[in-house]
C-alpha atoms as a PDB file:
ATOM      1  CA  MET A   1       8.916 -11.284  45.098  1.00  0.00           C
ATOM      2  CA  GLY A   2       6.241 -11.398  47.780  1.00  0.00           C
ATOM      3  CA  TYR A   3       2.773 -12.765  47.359  1.00  0.00           C
ATOM      4  CA  PHE A   4       1.051  -9.361  47.196  1.00  0.00           C
ATOM      5  CA  SER A   5       3.660  -7.953  44.799  1.00  0.00           C
ATOM      6  CA  GLN A   6       3.211 -10.980  42.579  1.00  0.00           C
ATOM      7  CA  LYS A   7      -0.555 -10.563  42.712  1.00  0.00           C
ATOM      8  CA  LYS A   8      -0.351  -6.877  41.766  1.00  0.00           C
ATOM      9  CA  LYS A   9       1.961  -7.680  38.872  1.00  0.00           C
ATOM     10  CA  HIS A  10      -0.431 -10.376  37.683  1.00  0.00           C
ATOM     11  CA  GLN A  11      -3.316  -7.902  37.883  1.00  0.00           C
ATOM     12  CA  ARG A  12      -1.424  -5.268  35.858  1.00  0.00           C
ATOM     13  CA  GLU A  13      -0.682  -7.854  33.181  1.00  0.00           C
ATOM     14  CA  ASN A  14      -4.329  -8.874  33.056  1.00  0.00           C
ATOM     15  CA  ASN A  15      -5.459  -5.246  32.848  1.00  0.00           C
ATOM     16  CA  PHE A  16      -3.064  -4.566  29.980  1.00  0.00           C
ATOM     17  CA  LEU A  17      -4.134  -7.668  28.069  1.00  0.00           C
ATOM     18  CA  THR A  18      -7.815  -6.943  28.681  1.00  0.00           C
ATOM     19  CA  VAL A  19      -7.580  -3.376  27.357  1.00  0.00           C
ATOM     20  CA  SER A  20      -5.507  -4.562  24.394  1.00  0.00           C
ATOM     21  CA  ALA A  21      -8.027  -7.305  23.652  1.00  0.00           C
ATOM     22  CA  ILE A  22     -10.906  -4.807  23.699  1.00  0.00           C
ATOM     23  CA  LEU A  23      -9.065  -2.516  21.284  1.00  0.00           C
ATOM     24  CA  ALA A  24      -8.012  -5.367  18.976  1.00  0.00           C
ATOM     25  CA  GLY A  25     -11.544  -6.751  18.990  1.00  0.00           C
ATOM     26  CA  ALA A  26     -13.037  -3.346  18.189  1.00  0.00           C
ATOM     27  CA  LEU A  27     -10.584  -2.911  15.304  1.00  0.00           C
ATOM     28  CA  ALA A  28     -11.357  -6.361  13.915  1.00  0.00           C
ATOM     29  CA  PHE A  29     -15.101  -5.661  14.182  1.00  0.00           C
ATOM     30  CA  LEU A  30     -14.736  -2.366  12.264  1.00  0.00           C
ATOM     31  CA  LEU A  31     -12.828  -4.142   9.503  1.00  0.00           C
ATOM     32  CA  ILE A  32     -15.641  -6.658   9.058  1.00  0.00           C
ATOM     33  CA  LEU A  33     -18.248  -3.909   8.553  1.00  0.00           C
ATOM     34  CA  PRO A  34     -18.884  -2.419   5.080  1.00  0.00           C
ATOM     35  CA  ASP A  35     -16.788   0.651   4.219  1.00  0.00           C
ATOM     36  CA  SER A  36     -19.890   2.850   4.076  1.00  0.00           C
ATOM     37  CA  TRP A  37     -20.572   2.073   7.742  1.00  0.00           C
ATOM     38  CA  THR A  38     -17.113   3.011   8.972  1.00  0.00           C
ATOM     39  CA  SER A  39     -16.469   6.332   7.210  1.00  0.00           C
ATOM     40  CA  SER A  40     -16.118   8.072  10.589  1.00  0.00           C
ATOM     41  CA  PHE A  41     -13.167   5.801  11.383  1.00  0.00           C
ATOM     42  CA  SER A  42     -11.388   6.167   8.031  1.00  0.00           C
ATOM     43  CA  TRP A  43      -8.289   7.541   9.803  1.00  0.00           C
ATOM     44  CA  ILE A  44      -7.645   4.013  11.055  1.00  0.00           C
ATOM     45  CA  ASP A  45      -6.757   2.973   7.497  1.00  0.00           C
ATOM     46  CA  ASN A  46      -3.664   5.172   7.613  1.00  0.00           C
ATOM     47  CA  TYR A  47      -2.106   3.233  10.461  1.00  0.00           C
ATOM     48  CA  LEU A  48      -3.684  -0.190  10.057  1.00  0.00           C
ATOM     49  CA  PHE A  49      -0.338  -1.871   9.388  1.00  0.00           C
ATOM     50  CA  GLN A  50       1.219  -0.314  12.485  1.00  0.00           C
ATOM     51  CA  LEU A  51      -1.781  -1.426  14.551  1.00  0.00           C
ATOM     52  CA  TYR A  52      -1.346  -4.911  13.126  1.00  0.00           C
ATOM     53  CA  ALA A  53       2.332  -4.906  14.148  1.00  0.00           C
ATOM     54  CA  LEU A  54       1.414  -3.815  17.688  1.00  0.00           C
ATOM     55  CA  ALA A  55      -1.206  -6.569  17.903  1.00  0.00           C
ATOM     56  CA  VAL A  56       1.452  -9.110  16.877  1.00  0.00           C
ATOM     57  CA  LEU A  57       3.693  -7.938  19.735  1.00  0.00           C
ATOM     58  CA  VAL A  58       0.861  -8.188  22.244  1.00  0.00           C
ATOM     59  CA  PHE A  59       0.027 -11.669  20.925  1.00  0.00           C
ATOM     60  CA  PHE A  60       3.571 -12.862  21.612  1.00  0.00           C
ATOM     61  CA  TYR A  61       3.488 -11.132  25.002  1.00  0.00           C
ATOM     62  CA  ALA A  62       0.367 -13.121  25.902  1.00  0.00           C
ATOM     63  CA  LEU A  63       2.099 -16.320  24.781  1.00  0.00           C
ATOM     64  CA  TRP A  64       5.159 -15.467  26.877  1.00  0.00           C
ATOM     65  CA  LEU A  65       2.951 -14.960  29.940  1.00  0.00           C
ATOM     66  CA  GLY A  66       1.117 -18.193  29.238  1.00  0.00           C
ATOM     67  CA  ARG A  67      -2.301 -16.487  28.915  1.00  0.00           C
ATOM     68  CA  TRP A  68      -3.625 -18.874  26.322  1.00  0.00           C
ATOM     69  CA  SER A  69      -7.163 -17.500  26.124  1.00  0.00           C
ATOM     70  CA  PHE A  70      -5.839 -14.005  25.428  1.00  0.00           C
ATOM     71  CA  ALA A  71      -3.371 -15.387  22.892  1.00  0.00           C
ATOM     72  CA  ALA A  72      -6.141 -17.253  21.068  1.00  0.00           C
ATOM     73  CA  PHE A  73      -8.295 -14.127  20.920  1.00  0.00           C
ATOM     74  CA  PHE A  74      -5.411 -12.024  19.602  1.00  0.00           C
ATOM     75  CA  ALA A  75      -4.672 -14.697  16.983  1.00  0.00           C
ATOM     76  CA  PHE A  76      -8.287 -14.489  15.799  1.00  0.00           C
ATOM     77  CA  CYS A  77      -8.139 -10.680  15.581  1.00  0.00           C
ATOM     78  CA  LEU A  78      -4.776 -10.838  13.784  1.00  0.00           C
ATOM     79  CA  LEU A  79      -6.265 -13.149  11.178  1.00  0.00           C
ATOM     80  CA  ILE A  80      -9.023 -10.623  10.452  1.00  0.00           C
ATOM     81  CA  ILE A  81      -6.612  -7.671  10.318  1.00  0.00           C
ATOM     82  CA  PHE A  82      -4.101  -9.500   8.113  1.00  0.00           C
ATOM     83  CA  THR A  83      -6.873 -10.599   5.749  1.00  0.00           C
ATOM     84  CA  SER A  84      -8.021  -6.999   5.429  1.00  0.00           C
ATOM     85  CA  LEU A  85      -4.470  -5.852   4.687  1.00  0.00           C
ATOM     86  CA  SER A  86      -3.406  -8.606   2.321  1.00  0.00           C
ATOM     87  CA  SER A  87      -6.629  -8.655   0.282  1.00  0.00           C
ATOM     88  CA  TYR A  88      -5.559  -5.494  -1.502  1.00  0.00           C
ATOM     89  CA  ALA A  89      -1.827  -5.122  -0.830  1.00  0.00           C
ATOM     90  CA  ASN A  90       1.342  -7.123  -0.576  1.00  0.00           C
ATOM     91  CA  ILE A  91       2.716  -6.828   2.939  1.00  0.00           C
ATOM     92  CA  PHE A  92       6.266  -8.145   2.983  1.00  0.00           C
ATOM     93  CA  PHE A  93       7.129  -9.292  -0.562  1.00  0.00           C
ATOM     94  CA  ASN A  94       6.889  -8.082  -4.146  1.00  0.00           C
ATOM     95  CA  THR A  95       4.857 -10.080  -6.671  1.00  0.00           C
ATOM     96  CA  ARG A  96       7.056 -11.868  -9.187  1.00  0.00           C
ATOM     97  CA  VAL A  97       6.152 -13.710 -12.389  1.00  0.00           C
ATOM     98  CA  ASN A  98       7.941 -16.184 -14.650  1.00  0.00           C
ATOM     99  CA  ASP A  99       9.174 -13.344 -16.823  1.00  0.00           C
ATOM    100  CA  ARG A 100      10.894 -13.167 -20.198  1.00  0.00           C
ATOM    101  CA  HIS A 101      11.114  -9.399 -20.659  1.00  0.00           C
ATOM    102  CA  HIS A 102      12.149  -6.532 -18.388  1.00  0.00           C
ATOM    103  CA  MET A 103      11.878  -2.782 -17.995  1.00  0.00           C
ATOM    104  CA  GLN A 104      13.205  -0.334 -15.414  1.00  0.00           C
ATOM    105  CA  LEU A 105      11.161   2.468 -13.867  1.00  0.00           C
ATOM    106  CA  THR A 106      12.301   5.409 -11.769  1.00  0.00           C
ATOM    107  CA  TYR A 107       9.759   7.460  -9.853  1.00  0.00           C
ATOM    108  CA  ARG A 108      10.491  10.965  -8.592  1.00  0.00           C
ATOM    109  CA  PRO A 109       7.538  13.015  -7.306  1.00  0.00           C
ATOM    110  CA  GLY A 110       6.439  15.699  -9.744  1.00  0.00           C
ATOM    111  CA  GLU A 111       8.872  14.705 -12.482  1.00  0.00           C
ATOM    112  CA  ALA A 112       8.494  13.075 -15.892  1.00  0.00           C
ATOM    113  CA  LEU A 113       8.442   9.310 -16.277  1.00  0.00           C
ATOM    114  CA  GLU A 114      11.814   7.591 -16.424  1.00  0.00           C
ATOM    115  CA  VAL A 115      11.458   4.306 -18.274  1.00  0.00           C
ATOM    116  CA  SER A 116      14.203   2.221 -19.851  1.00  0.00           C
ATOM    117  CA  GLY A 117      14.512  -1.213 -21.355  1.00  0.00           C
ATOM    118  CA  ARG A 118      16.103  -2.965 -24.273  1.00  0.00           C
ATOM    119  CA  GLY A 119      14.104  -2.650 -27.474  1.00  0.00           C
ATOM    120  CA  MET A 120      11.491  -0.238 -26.105  1.00  0.00           C
ATOM    121  CA  VAL A 121       9.812   2.112 -28.588  1.00  0.00           C
ATOM    122  CA  LEU A 122       7.879   5.178 -27.430  1.00  0.00           C
ATOM    123  CA  LEU A 123       4.510   5.411 -29.196  1.00  0.00           C
ATOM    124  CA  ARG A 124       2.927   8.384 -27.438  1.00  0.00           C
ATOM    125  CA  SER A 125       3.232  10.471 -24.275  1.00  0.00           C
ATOM    126  CA  GLY A 126       1.473  13.304 -22.521  1.00  0.00           C
ATOM    127  CA  HIS A 127      -0.319  14.284 -19.330  1.00  0.00           C
ATOM    128  CA  LEU A 128      -3.693  13.141 -18.026  1.00  0.00           C
ATOM    129  CA  ASN A 129      -6.053  15.757 -16.639  1.00  0.00           C
ATOM    130  CA  LEU A 130      -7.267  14.165 -13.405  1.00  0.00           C
ATOM    131  CA  GLY A 131      -8.762  17.266 -11.798  1.00  0.00           C
ATOM    132  CA  ASP A 132      -8.143  20.940 -11.166  1.00  0.00           C
ATOM    133  CA  GLU A 133      -4.397  21.379 -11.624  1.00  0.00           C
ATOM    134  CA  ILE A 134      -3.873  17.642 -11.112  1.00  0.00           C
ATOM    135  CA  ARG A 135      -1.790  16.181 -13.918  1.00  0.00           C
ATOM    136  CA  ALA A 136      -0.321  12.720 -14.316  1.00  0.00           C
ATOM    137  CA  PRO A 137       2.360  11.996 -16.945  1.00  0.00           C
ATOM    138  CA  PHE A 138       1.760   8.940 -19.113  1.00  0.00           C
ATOM    139  CA  ALA A 139       3.584   7.181 -21.928  1.00  0.00           C
ATOM    140  CA  THR A 140       2.790   4.235 -24.176  1.00  0.00           C
ATOM    141  CA  TYR A 141       5.651   1.926 -25.165  1.00  0.00           C
ATOM    142  CA  GLU A 142       6.010  -1.089 -27.419  1.00  0.00           C
ATOM    143  CA  LYS A 143       8.441  -3.759 -26.321  1.00  0.00           C
ATOM    144  CA  ASP A 144       8.810  -7.241 -27.784  1.00  0.00           C
ATOM    145  CA  LEU A 145       5.547  -6.840 -29.727  1.00  0.00           C
ATOM    146  CA  GLN A 146       3.683  -5.909 -26.543  1.00  0.00           C
ATOM    147  CA  VAL A 147       2.257  -2.466 -25.814  1.00  0.00           C
ATOM    148  CA  TYR A 148       2.077  -0.949 -22.331  1.00  0.00           C
ATOM    149  CA  THR A 149       0.769   2.377 -21.062  1.00  0.00           C
ATOM    150  CA  LEU A 150       2.543   3.661 -17.962  1.00  0.00           C
ATOM    151  CA  ILE A 151       1.110   6.360 -15.697  1.00  0.00           C
ATOM    152  CA  GLY A 152       2.963   8.147 -12.913  1.00  0.00           C
ATOM    153  CA  VAL A 153       0.820   9.636 -10.132  1.00  0.00           C
ATOM    154  CA  ASP A 154       1.375  11.919  -7.150  1.00  0.00           C
ATOM    155  CA  PHE A 155      -1.841  12.371  -5.166  1.00  0.00           C
ATOM    156  CA  ASP A 156      -0.274  13.255  -1.839  1.00  0.00           C
ATOM    157  CA  GLY A 157      -2.060  16.051   0.024  1.00  0.00           C
ATOM    158  CA  LEU A 158      -5.285  16.049  -2.007  1.00  0.00           C
ATOM    159  CA  SER A 159      -8.545  16.764  -0.205  1.00  0.00           C
ATOM    160  CA  PRO A 160     -11.073  13.901   0.064  1.00  0.00           C
ATOM    161  CA  ARG A 161     -13.286  15.565  -2.553  1.00  0.00           C
ATOM    162  CA  ASP A 162     -10.421  16.048  -5.023  1.00  0.00           C
ATOM    163  CA  MET A 163      -9.211  12.535  -4.304  1.00  0.00           C
ATOM    164  CA  ALA A 164     -12.584  11.014  -5.199  1.00  0.00           C
ATOM    165  CA  GLU A 165     -12.736  12.908  -8.517  1.00  0.00           C
ATOM    166  CA  THR A 166      -9.126  12.093  -9.329  1.00  0.00           C
ATOM    167  CA  PHE A 167      -9.577   8.361  -8.773  1.00  0.00           C
ATOM    168  CA  GLU A 168     -12.753   8.332 -10.851  1.00  0.00           C
ATOM    169  CA  ARG A 169     -11.007  10.032 -13.785  1.00  0.00           C
ATOM    170  CA  LEU A 170      -8.091   7.646 -13.483  1.00  0.00           C
ATOM    171  CA  ARG A 171     -10.460   4.673 -13.490  1.00  0.00           C
ATOM    172  CA  THR A 172     -12.205   5.999 -16.605  1.00  0.00           C
ATOM    173  CA  PHE A 173      -8.912   6.422 -18.465  1.00  0.00           C
ATOM    174  CA  ILE A 174      -7.726   2.922 -17.561  1.00  0.00           C
ATOM    175  CA  SER A 175     -11.017   1.323 -18.614  1.00  0.00           C
ATOM    176  CA  LEU A 176     -10.779   2.973 -22.055  1.00  0.00           C
ATOM    177  CA  GLN A 177      -7.347   1.526 -22.828  1.00  0.00           C
ATOM    178  CA  ASP A 178      -7.050  -1.477 -25.136  1.00  0.00           C
ATOM    179  CA  ASP A 179      -3.528  -2.262 -23.922  1.00  0.00           C
ATOM    180  CA  PRO A 180      -2.291  -3.189 -20.430  1.00  0.00           C
ATOM    181  CA  VAL A 181      -1.772  -0.295 -18.027  1.00  0.00           C
ATOM    182  CA  ILE A 182       0.839   0.132 -15.294  1.00  0.00           C
ATOM    183  CA  VAL A 183       0.197   2.831 -12.678  1.00  0.00           C
ATOM    184  CA  TYR A 184       2.789   3.743 -10.095  1.00  0.00           C
ATOM    185  CA  GLY A 185       3.589   6.525  -7.653  1.00  0.00           C
ATOM    186  CA  ASN A 186       2.237   8.149  -4.514  1.00  0.00           C
ATOM    187  CA  PHE A 187      -1.492   7.447  -4.277  1.00  0.00           C
ATOM    188  CA  GLY A 188      -1.887   9.446  -1.084  1.00  0.00           C
ATOM    189  CA  ILE A 189      -3.738   6.630   0.697  1.00  0.00           C
ATOM    190  CA  PRO A 190      -3.081   2.973   1.605  1.00  0.00           C
ATOM    191  CA  ALA A 191      -4.173   0.219  -0.774  1.00  0.00           C
ATOM    192  CA  TRP A 192      -6.881  -0.959   1.657  1.00  0.00           C
ATOM    193  CA  SER A 193      -8.578   2.471   1.738  1.00  0.00           C
ATOM    194  CA  PRO A 194     -12.046   2.461   0.130  1.00  0.00           C
ATOM    195  CA  LEU A 195     -11.102   4.656  -2.853  1.00  0.00           C
ATOM    196  CA  LEU A 196      -8.083   2.603  -3.855  1.00  0.00           C
ATOM    197  CA  LYS A 197      -9.904  -0.668  -3.213  1.00  0.00           C
ATOM    198  CA  LYS A 198     -12.663   0.538  -5.542  1.00  0.00           C
ATOM    199  CA  LEU A 199     -10.111   1.345  -8.254  1.00  0.00           C
ATOM    200  CA  LEU A 200      -8.474  -2.067  -7.942  1.00  0.00           C
ATOM    201  CA  LEU A 201     -11.799  -3.891  -8.115  1.00  0.00           C
ATOM    202  CA  ALA A 202     -13.059  -1.834 -11.078  1.00  0.00           C
ATOM    203  CA  THR A 203      -9.898  -2.218 -13.187  1.00  0.00           C
ATOM    204  CA  ASP A 204      -8.626  -5.667 -12.120  1.00  0.00           C
ATOM    205  CA  LEU A 205      -5.220  -4.121 -11.401  1.00  0.00           C
ATOM    206  CA  LYS A 206      -3.158  -5.685  -8.608  1.00  0.00           C
ATOM    207  CA  VAL A 207      -0.647  -4.216  -6.192  1.00  0.00           C
ATOM    208  CA  LYS A 208       2.773  -5.598  -7.130  1.00  0.00           C
ATOM    209  CA  ASN A 209       5.081  -4.100  -4.499  1.00  0.00           C
ATOM    210  CA  ARG A 210       5.628  -4.753  -0.817  1.00  0.00           C
ATOM    211  CA  LEU A 211       4.658  -2.024   1.642  1.00  0.00           C
ATOM    212  CA  VAL A 212       6.920   1.018   1.470  1.00  0.00           C
ATOM    213  CA  LEU A 213       7.097   2.661   4.897  1.00  0.00           C
ATOM    214  CA  ALA A 214       8.759   5.966   4.046  1.00  0.00           C
ATOM    215  CA  ASP A 215       8.122   9.689   4.252  1.00  0.00           C
ATOM    216  CA  ALA A 216       7.746  12.050   1.279  1.00  0.00           C
ATOM    217  CA  GLY A 217      11.518  12.035   0.746  1.00  0.00           C
ATOM    218  CA  PHE A 218      11.571   8.217   0.764  1.00  0.00           C
ATOM    219  CA  ARG A 219      13.446   7.992   4.036  1.00  0.00           C
ATOM    220  CA  PHE A 220      12.454   4.940   6.073  1.00  0.00           C
ATOM    221  CA  ASN A 221       9.808   5.734   8.665  1.00  0.00           C
ATOM    222  CA  PRO A 222       8.047   2.876  10.496  1.00  0.00           C
ATOM    223  CA  LEU A 223       5.150   5.201  11.352  1.00  0.00           C
ATOM    224  CA  ALA A 224       4.629   6.425   7.791  1.00  0.00           C
ATOM    225  CA  VAL A 225       1.381   5.855   5.937  1.00  0.00           C
ATOM    226  CA  PRO A 226       1.998   3.381   3.059  1.00  0.00           C
ATOM    227  CA  GLN A 227       1.229   5.377  -0.083  1.00  0.00           C
ATOM    228  CA  PHE A 228       3.603   4.249  -2.833  1.00  0.00           C
ATOM    229  CA  TYR A 229       2.230   1.480  -5.031  1.00  0.00           C
ATOM    230  CA  LEU A 230       2.833  -0.080  -8.411  1.00  0.00           C
ATOM    231  CA  LEU A 231      -0.349  -1.455  -9.986  1.00  0.00           C
ATOM    232  CA  ALA A 232      -0.420  -3.789 -12.962  1.00  0.00           C
ATOM    233  CA  PHE A 233      -2.182  -6.841 -14.403  1.00  0.00           C
ATOM    234  CA  GLU A 234      -1.399 -10.492 -13.744  1.00  0.00           C
ATOM    235  CA  ASN A 235       1.300 -10.817 -16.430  1.00  0.00           C
ATOM    236  CA  VAL A 236       3.505  -8.154 -14.812  1.00  0.00           C
ATOM    237  CA  GLY A 237       5.751  -8.834 -11.844  1.00  0.00           C
ATOM    238  CA  LEU A 238       8.149  -6.771  -9.760  1.00  0.00           C
ATOM    239  CA  ASN A 239      11.658  -8.175  -9.541  1.00  0.00           C
ATOM    240  CA  THR A 240      13.319  -5.452  -7.489  1.00  0.00           C
ATOM    241  CA  LEU A 241      12.227  -2.316  -5.668  1.00  0.00           C
ATOM    242  CA  ARG A 242      14.430   0.090  -3.773  1.00  0.00           C
ATOM    243  CA  THR A 243      13.946   3.556  -2.367  1.00  0.00           C
ATOM    244  CA  GLU A 244      16.574   6.276  -2.324  1.00  0.00           C
ATOM    245  CA  ALA A 245      16.269   9.238   0.025  1.00  0.00           C
ATOM    246  CA  GLY A 246      17.113  12.774  -1.083  1.00  0.00           C
ATOM    247  CA  SER A 247      20.844  13.367  -0.779  1.00  0.00           C
ATOM    248  CA  ASP A 248      20.550  16.488   1.386  1.00  0.00           C
ATOM    249  CA  GLY A 249      17.678  15.234   3.542  1.00  0.00           C
ATOM    250  CA  LYS A 250      15.352  17.892   2.130  1.00  0.00           C
ATOM    251  CA  THR A 251      14.822  17.129  -1.556  1.00  0.00           C
ATOM    252  CA  ASP A 252      12.499  14.365  -2.681  1.00  0.00           C
ATOM    253  CA  GLY A 253      13.981  10.933  -3.112  1.00  0.00           C
ATOM    254  CA  SER A 254      13.104   8.295  -5.673  1.00  0.00           C
ATOM    255  CA  VAL A 255      11.890   4.732  -6.120  1.00  0.00           C
ATOM    256  CA  LYS A 256      13.585   2.470  -8.633  1.00  0.00           C
ATOM    257  CA  ALA A 257      11.965  -0.733  -9.821  1.00  0.00           C
ATOM    258  CA  GLU A 258      12.597  -3.488 -12.317  1.00  0.00           C
ATOM    259  CA  LEU A 259       9.533  -5.083 -13.848  1.00  0.00           C
ATOM    260  CA  GLY A 260       9.327  -8.479 -15.466  1.00  0.00           C
ATOM    261  CA  PHE A 261       6.525  -9.613 -17.755  1.00  0.00           C
ATOM    262  CA  TYR A 262       5.577 -12.353 -20.166  1.00  0.00           C
END
């Protein structure tokens, strides 16, 4: 390759890294600001994980080219982005505990709770009124002298106004319970979105599952917005989690999970 061709290639690489660095820096800066300051950029939350993955690729590209200053800057931005993601969600792994007891959950959008486990006794069940025509099935079980209330949610497609009211009613219900609560299903937003962060902080619930990148039918989609979460307290862990797509490609799929607790 001639001198001028090599120079042009070098310039294109620098231009690409410079633009990428500006974008990564702007994203990291927005994540540092309070949520109330960045409401106009809330759409970024939907694809923050994908943006993080792209930044990782560019970081390794800078390393491969030997552009150490760019690589160092991308590493700094990645640290900020990863911190923002992992503060409220598990990224790659489920949270496990040193468990002695187990239960199995099956989630299908819009359907009743499916809960099973040895020695479980149903104490009560019903539906929570979380807004206009927004219902969430719940059930309280006793197992091994411990009582748990499980809530299945499907908030996909709600407007921002309905979403805010729904999350507030859910928070109120959880705070009134004397027994541990497990909430799982489609929350409609990622765990690092302001509304879900507020719920986690107010209730002390934690996200137990890894990110689920799947569409509404639970078919794998790397560009999907992570919306399925299982929330519980510290004594509950998630041993297994698997998604099953609808058999005909049109019907909703399901998520099956095994919980362990002590």
